[in-house]
Structure formats: C-alpha cells, structure tokens
Amino acid sequence: MASRRHVIVDDLRMQISTGRIKAGERLPSEAQLASRYAVSTPTLRSALAVLQGEGLVEKVHGRGNFVRHPARRITYVGGGRAPNAQTATDAALRMTVRTTHLPAQGDLTALLKVSASSPLTEFLCLSHEGRSPHSLARIYVPRDLAPADGPSESSFYARVLGRMAELHPPLAKVEERVSARFPTPREAATLRISSSLPVLAITRVATDATGRVVEAARLVLPGDRADALFTHHTMSGDRRTEG
C-alpha cells in the first residue's frame, strides 16, 4: 500500500503534468495542502521535497511553493581558450553580475597560485530564466586584469575577453575539472533547488605562457538542465572525438 507521502506526490505530479496546475502557478499553502490530504505538516513537506527534487516545484522563501517552468537546458562547451562561464548561454537567460574586490585567502591562493592577501576581483554571475535562478558561477581574476568600471549584464563577458586579448604573452593553457556532487546548502538556496539534486561542478583555470594564472572560475550547473561538451581534435585533423 502506498504511503501518504507517495499518494500526495503522485496526485500533485499528475495535476502538474496534465496542466490542471500550470507552470508558474502557486500551490495552496502548506497548511491548506496538509488539511486537504489529511496529513501532518512534516509529511506534506516531505512530499513537496520529492517534487522539488524532481524539478517540478520550487520553494520561494516568503512566497510559497510554485510549479516550475520546464528548465531550459544549457551546454557548457569545454576546451575553449577564452574565459567564459557559460559558452552556450541562451538568449532567454538573463545574467546578473556582482563584483567584489577581495584578498586571496584559503584555497584561492593555491587555485590562482598567488600569495595570501594578493588583490583579486570576484565576479558572482547568476543567470535567471524568468524569475527562477538557472546557474551560478564565481570567476576570480587578478585585480589588474578586471575591467576598471565594473561589469554589466550585457557587456561583462565581451569586456573580460577584450581584457584577456590585451595579455602579453597570450593564454597558453586551460585546465577544466568536472565533477558531479550534491550542492552545498548555500548553492541550493541560491539556485532554489533541492539539496538532493546533483549538480555539475566545473573548476576552470586559465594560465598564460609565463605560468601566471589569469582566471579561475567555479561553475555550478543543476543536473536537471546541464550538459558538458568537450571536443578533441586528433593529430591528423581529419577526425574528432566528442565526450
């Protein structure tokens, strides 16, 4: 016999899939739902957590639970020589960028190969689809390479690319480490995803010909909407392998 939690999950899932509850619509309050299904609040919240983990429902702090719009997929294209947090950003995604100047500390010193307290600039990039957060990136560059007047939504990447193009010597190596893991509590809250939904975590480090690290990026892409594409050209140049 199905548990009360599974009965609730199946019923709400059916209502969402058939359009009885539409994308963007707010669900009744947790108290109302608990009363409707004759269950305790913890049981109701457990059922909602399942739907949140499936990407069907998102909980917005202070506003309630909403049916999610189908997540637009994004492809991270690896192997590029330019600093780019989202190489395949869709035009429907809006980017906000927050700039912070900070001294290098903790694991940032090893990641960027700098001494403690070296001046860095962090760009916290959060993409949105409508009102819903879509993906997260933290990009770190030595402060002398950061755009002087700060980034904006539309010009950030073009300006960082332009700044990198001024480098002498040019970029020589890009190293990318990709892993699947569960989000931290802070990442789950920022992206409004369940802590049980795996994310694609990418750490990208770009180095110039002198060995100086000129950019380090940490990307977090929810697993229900992310792909990673890496293209490798063979020595002969007549074949390529994609993974």
Protein backbone atom coordinates (compact mmCIF):
# COMPACT_ATOMS: atom_id res chain seq x y z
CA MET A 1 0.00 0.00 0.00
CA ALA A 2 1.38 3.39 -1.00
CA SER A 3 2.36 5.74 1.80
CA ARG A 4 0.52 9.04 2.26
CA ARG A 5 3.60 10.87 1.01
CA HIS A 6 3.60 8.93 -2.26
CA VAL A 7 -0.14 9.49 -2.70
CA ILE A 8 0.41 13.25 -2.40
CA VAL A 9 3.39 13.18 -4.77
CA ASP A 10 1.52 11.14 -7.39
CA ASP A 11 -1.57 13.36 -7.20
CA LEU A 12 0.31 16.67 -7.46
CA ARG A 13 2.58 15.29 -10.19
CA MET A 14 -0.48 14.25 -12.19
CA GLN A 15 -2.10 17.67 -11.77
CA ILE A 16 1.09 19.37 -12.94
CA SER A 17 1.67 17.06 -15.92
CA THR A 18 -1.93 17.41 -17.13
CA GLY A 19 -1.92 21.18 -16.78
CA ARG A 20 -4.53 21.36 -14.02
CA ILE A 21 -1.88 23.25 -12.09
CA LYS A 22 0.02 25.38 -14.58
CA ALA A 23 3.68 26.39 -14.74
CA GLY A 24 4.30 29.49 -12.63
CA GLU A 25 1.19 28.91 -10.52
CA ARG A 26 1.50 28.97 -6.76
CA LEU A 27 0.36 25.88 -4.89
CA PRO A 28 -2.05 26.22 -1.96
CA SER A 29 -0.31 26.91 1.35
CA GLU A 30 1.31 24.01 3.18
CA ALA A 31 -1.40 24.20 5.84
CA GLN A 32 -4.12 24.02 3.19
CA LEU A 33 -2.46 21.09 1.43
CA ALA A 34 -1.90 19.23 4.71
CA SER A 35 -5.58 19.67 5.53
CA ARG A 36 -6.68 18.62 2.03
CA TYR A 37 -4.66 15.38 2.17
CA ALA A 38 -5.30 14.81 5.90
CA VAL A 39 -1.61 14.54 6.76
CA SER A 40 0.77 16.25 9.15
CA THR A 41 2.82 19.22 8.01
CA PRO A 42 6.11 17.20 8.09
CA THR A 43 4.55 14.55 5.80
CA LEU A 44 3.33 17.24 3.41
CA ARG A 45 6.74 18.93 3.34
CA SER A 46 8.39 15.58 2.67
CA ALA A 47 6.12 15.12 -0.36
CA LEU A 48 6.91 18.62 -1.62
CA ALA A 49 10.62 17.89 -1.20
CA VAL A 50 10.25 14.97 -3.62
CA LEU A 51 8.63 17.25 -6.21
CA GLN A 52 11.33 19.86 -5.63
CA GLY A 53 13.99 17.21 -6.21
CA GLU A 54 12.30 16.27 -9.49
CA GLY A 55 12.40 19.91 -10.59
CA LEU A 56 8.61 20.21 -10.73
CA VAL A 57 8.17 22.56 -7.78
CA GLU A 58 10.33 25.30 -6.30
CA LYS A 59 10.00 26.87 -2.87
CA VAL A 60 10.42 30.66 -2.86
CA HIS A 61 11.23 31.96 0.60
CA GLY A 62 8.40 34.07 1.99
CA ARG A 63 6.12 33.42 -1.01
CA GLY A 64 5.34 29.72 -1.07
CA ASN A 65 5.68 26.77 -3.46
CA PHE A 66 5.41 27.29 -7.22
CA VAL A 67 5.19 24.99 -10.21
CA ARG A 68 8.41 25.38 -12.16
CA HIS A 69 8.55 26.15 -15.84
CA PRO A 70 10.40 23.38 -17.72
CA ALA A 71 14.08 24.15 -17.22
CA ARG A 72 15.90 25.39 -20.31
CA ARG A 73 18.96 23.20 -20.87
CA ILE A 74 22.39 24.77 -21.08
CA THR A 75 25.52 23.25 -22.59
CA TYR A 76 28.92 24.01 -21.12
CA VAL A 77 31.39 23.86 -24.01
CA GLY A 78 34.80 22.92 -22.67
CA GLY A 79 38.23 23.17 -24.19
CA GLY A 80 37.91 26.82 -25.18
CA ARG A 81 40.76 29.31 -24.82
CA ALA A 82 38.63 32.22 -23.66
CA PRO A 83 37.26 32.81 -20.16
CA ASN A 84 33.59 32.04 -20.47
CA ALA A 85 31.37 30.79 -17.65
CA GLN A 86 28.55 29.72 -19.97
CA THR A 87 29.71 29.16 -23.52
CA ALA A 88 26.20 28.34 -24.73
CA THR A 89 24.09 30.87 -22.87
CA ASP A 90 20.61 31.05 -24.35
CA ALA A 91 19.20 34.47 -25.22
CA ALA A 92 16.25 33.78 -22.91
CA LEU A 93 18.58 33.66 -19.90
CA ARG A 94 19.28 36.93 -18.10
CA MET A 95 22.61 37.38 -16.33
CA THR A 96 23.25 39.44 -13.21
CA VAL A 97 26.80 40.08 -12.07
CA ARG A 98 28.04 41.24 -8.67
CA THR A 99 31.62 42.44 -8.34
CA THR A 100 33.66 42.12 -5.14
CA HIS A 101 37.29 43.05 -4.51
CA LEU A 102 38.91 40.70 -2.02
CA PRO A 103 42.31 39.46 -0.89
CA ALA A 104 43.37 35.95 -1.84
CA GLN A 105 42.88 33.56 1.04
CA GLY A 106 42.17 29.92 1.74
CA ASP A 107 42.14 27.65 -1.32
CA LEU A 108 42.09 30.65 -3.69
CA THR A 109 45.81 31.11 -3.10
CA ALA A 110 46.52 27.61 -4.42
CA LEU A 111 43.96 27.86 -7.22
CA LEU A 112 45.40 31.10 -8.61
CA LYS A 113 48.98 30.38 -7.47
CA VAL A 114 49.28 33.67 -5.60
CA SER A 115 50.43 34.62 -2.14
CA ALA A 116 47.97 35.28 0.67
CA SER A 117 46.33 38.73 0.53
CA SER A 118 47.09 39.22 -3.17
CA PRO A 119 44.38 41.51 -4.63
CA LEU A 120 41.69 39.66 -6.60
CA THR A 121 38.36 40.55 -8.15
CA GLU A 122 35.44 38.13 -7.87
CA PHE A 123 32.53 38.19 -10.30
CA LEU A 124 29.48 36.39 -8.93
CA CYS A 125 27.39 35.55 -12.01
CA LEU A 126 23.83 34.29 -11.60
CA SER A 127 21.72 33.52 -14.65
CA HIS A 128 17.93 33.64 -14.48
CA GLU A 129 15.15 32.24 -16.61
CA GLY A 130 12.23 34.50 -15.83
CA ARG A 131 12.29 34.78 -12.04
CA SER A 132 13.98 31.42 -11.49
CA PRO A 133 17.75 31.14 -10.93
CA HIS A 134 19.31 28.90 -13.57
CA SER A 135 23.07 28.56 -12.97
CA LEU A 136 25.83 30.02 -10.85
CA ALA A 137 29.45 30.97 -11.50
CA ARG A 138 32.18 32.57 -9.41
CA ILE A 139 35.01 33.96 -11.53
CA TYR A 140 38.26 35.17 -9.99
CA VAL A 141 40.89 37.26 -11.78
CA PRO A 142 43.93 39.22 -10.57
CA ARG A 143 42.70 42.70 -9.91
CA ASP A 144 44.88 44.31 -12.59
CA LEU A 145 43.02 42.25 -15.22
CA ALA A 146 39.50 43.18 -14.10
CA PRO A 147 37.52 45.76 -16.14
CA ALA A 148 38.05 49.11 -14.45
CA ASP A 149 34.43 50.27 -14.41
CA GLY A 150 32.75 47.02 -13.37
CA PRO A 151 30.64 44.65 -15.46
CA SER A 152 27.06 44.92 -16.61
CA GLU A 153 24.64 42.22 -17.70
CA SER A 154 25.15 42.75 -21.42
CA SER A 155 28.85 43.59 -21.68
CA PHE A 156 30.61 41.58 -18.98
CA TYR A 157 32.00 38.68 -21.00
CA ALA A 158 32.91 40.80 -24.02
CA ARG A 159 34.90 43.15 -21.81
CA VAL A 160 36.71 40.41 -19.92
CA LEU A 161 37.53 38.76 -23.26
CA GLY A 162 38.86 42.07 -24.52
CA ARG A 163 40.99 42.47 -21.41
CA MET A 164 42.41 38.98 -21.88
CA ALA A 165 43.16 39.75 -25.54
CA GLU A 166 45.50 42.50 -24.34
CA LEU A 167 47.64 39.97 -22.45
CA HIS A 168 51.24 39.56 -23.49
CA PRO A 169 52.15 36.71 -23.54
CA PRO A 170 48.87 35.15 -24.69
CA LEU A 171 46.87 32.45 -22.95
CA ALA A 172 48.67 29.09 -23.08
CA LYS A 173 46.65 26.52 -21.11
CA VAL A 174 43.11 25.99 -19.86
CA GLU A 175 42.54 23.23 -17.31
CA GLU A 176 38.98 22.11 -16.51
CA ARG A 177 37.95 19.74 -13.76
CA VAL A 178 34.39 18.40 -13.91
CA SER A 179 32.63 16.53 -11.10
CA ALA A 180 29.13 15.60 -10.03
CA ARG A 181 28.17 16.28 -6.43
CA PHE A 182 25.34 17.47 -4.25
CA PRO A 183 25.03 21.24 -3.80
CA THR A 184 26.11 23.00 -0.66
CA PRO A 185 23.26 24.48 1.42
CA ARG A 186 24.20 27.94 0.12
CA GLU A 187 24.20 26.79 -3.52
CA ALA A 188 20.85 25.00 -3.09
CA ALA A 189 19.32 28.15 -1.56
CA THR A 190 20.76 30.43 -4.27
CA LEU A 191 19.57 28.21 -7.13
CA ARG A 192 16.31 27.25 -5.37
CA ILE A 193 16.93 23.56 -5.88
CA SER A 194 16.64 20.56 -3.62
CA SER A 195 19.79 19.62 -1.71
CA SER A 196 19.24 16.10 -3.11
CA LEU A 197 19.53 17.24 -6.76
CA PRO A 198 23.09 16.62 -8.04
CA VAL A 199 24.91 19.49 -9.71
CA LEU A 200 27.63 19.61 -12.35
CA ALA A 201 30.57 21.40 -10.73
CA ILE A 202 33.26 22.74 -13.07
CA THR A 203 36.52 24.34 -11.98
CA ARG A 204 38.33 26.12 -14.81
CA VAL A 205 41.84 27.60 -14.55
CA ALA A 206 43.43 29.61 -17.39
CA THR A 207 47.21 30.17 -17.44
CA ASP A 208 49.35 32.34 -19.73
CA ALA A 209 52.67 31.36 -21.33
CA THR A 210 54.66 32.61 -18.33
CA GLY A 211 52.75 30.30 -15.97
CA ARG A 212 50.63 33.07 -14.45
CA VAL A 213 47.04 32.10 -13.63
CA VAL A 214 44.92 34.84 -15.20
CA GLU A 215 41.45 33.44 -14.48
CA ALA A 216 39.86 30.81 -12.26
CA ALA A 217 36.16 30.01 -12.46
CA ARG A 218 33.88 27.80 -10.40
CA LEU A 219 30.59 26.92 -12.07
CA VAL A 220 27.59 25.17 -10.57
CA LEU A 221 25.02 23.84 -13.04
CA PRO A 222 21.96 21.94 -11.74
CA GLY A 223 21.98 18.41 -13.08
CA ASP A 224 18.43 18.58 -14.43
CA ARG A 225 19.36 21.20 -17.03
CA ALA A 226 23.08 20.89 -17.79
CA ASP A 227 25.27 19.13 -20.34
CA ALA A 228 29.03 19.39 -20.85
CA LEU A 229 30.59 19.08 -24.31
CA PHE A 230 34.31 18.57 -24.93
CA THR A 231 35.69 18.29 -28.49
CA HIS A 232 39.20 16.93 -29.06
CA HIS A 233 40.86 17.14 -32.47
CA THR A 234 43.16 14.29 -33.43
CA MET A 235 46.67 14.93 -34.66
CA SER A 236 45.69 14.11 -38.25
CA GLY A 237 42.92 16.71 -38.09
CA ASP A 238 40.51 14.53 -40.06
CA ARG A 239 38.67 13.03 -37.11
CA ARG A 240 37.41 14.32 -33.80
CA THR A 241 36.14 12.77 -30.62
CA GLU A 242 33.38 14.26 -28.55
CA GLY A 243 32.70 13.38 -24.92
